[in-house]
Amino acid sequence: MEEADHRFGNRRDAGRQLSALLSRYLDQKPVVLALPRGGVPVGYEVSKALEAPLDVLLVRKIGAPAHPELAIGAVVDGANPQVVLNEQIVQKLGIGEEYIKSEEKRQFAEIERRRLLYHGGRMALDISGRTIIVVDDGIATGATVRAALLALARSTPARLVLAVPVAAPACLEELKTAADDIVCISTPDGFRAVGDAYEDFTQTSDEEVIDILANTRYNALQAPQDLEVKA
């Protein structure tokens, strides 16, 4: 279901509304991966409704030399961490392998730091053969989400689903080839910012993310026995 315009009370409300559209995946025993920080409250509600394990999906941009705001790729956390590069930009700028390897190492270290912060280094879920639902609070440019989806696809999930409350229509169209299914409630024609779709878009804190991951009933430490985890 996509509506031209729709408002949400807050991220939890958005997650509950999104859950109703994802009910068809309940019997597939999915895994919910939320992009921190704003995607975690949304993903929490989805994981509750689907009785699914919840984890964060940590993604870090690799910036170009002297222009860190220009993404030449990204590193994506997981049981099988992945690096996604925009080969066209890399070749155009003549960026060497030594720089890329150095940035990969630095960003993976930051991902590890954040994983330790959010849940003490808990093991990442092995998603191979599982239905994976990637959740965020909204999509403005799609760059981070695209990198995440491309990386996750390399881990051979049974099905890769992108679920967001709101997204820019053009971005959603561009992401259609990166996921098996996209579930989005609102695609405003005059999209300006994700926060415009929320009455309360208060920034999600690290403390809230930590609390959700520590207290959710369906997390990696309490996952069903048939859900394999790897260090």
Foldseek 3Di string as FASTA:
>chain_A
DADQAAAAAELLRLLQVLLVVVQVCLVQQAAEEEEPDQFQSSSLSNCVSSVHAYYYKDKDFCADVVGHVHGQWIWIDALDIDTGGNVVVCVVVVPDPVSVVVSVVVVVVVVQVLCCLQENNPFGFQQAQGEYEYTHAEEEQLPRVLRHLQRVVVSHHVFYEYEYAEYAPVNVVVCPVSGPYYHYYYHHPPDDDSCVRYPDHPHGDSVNSSVSQVPRCRHPVNHPPVGDTHD
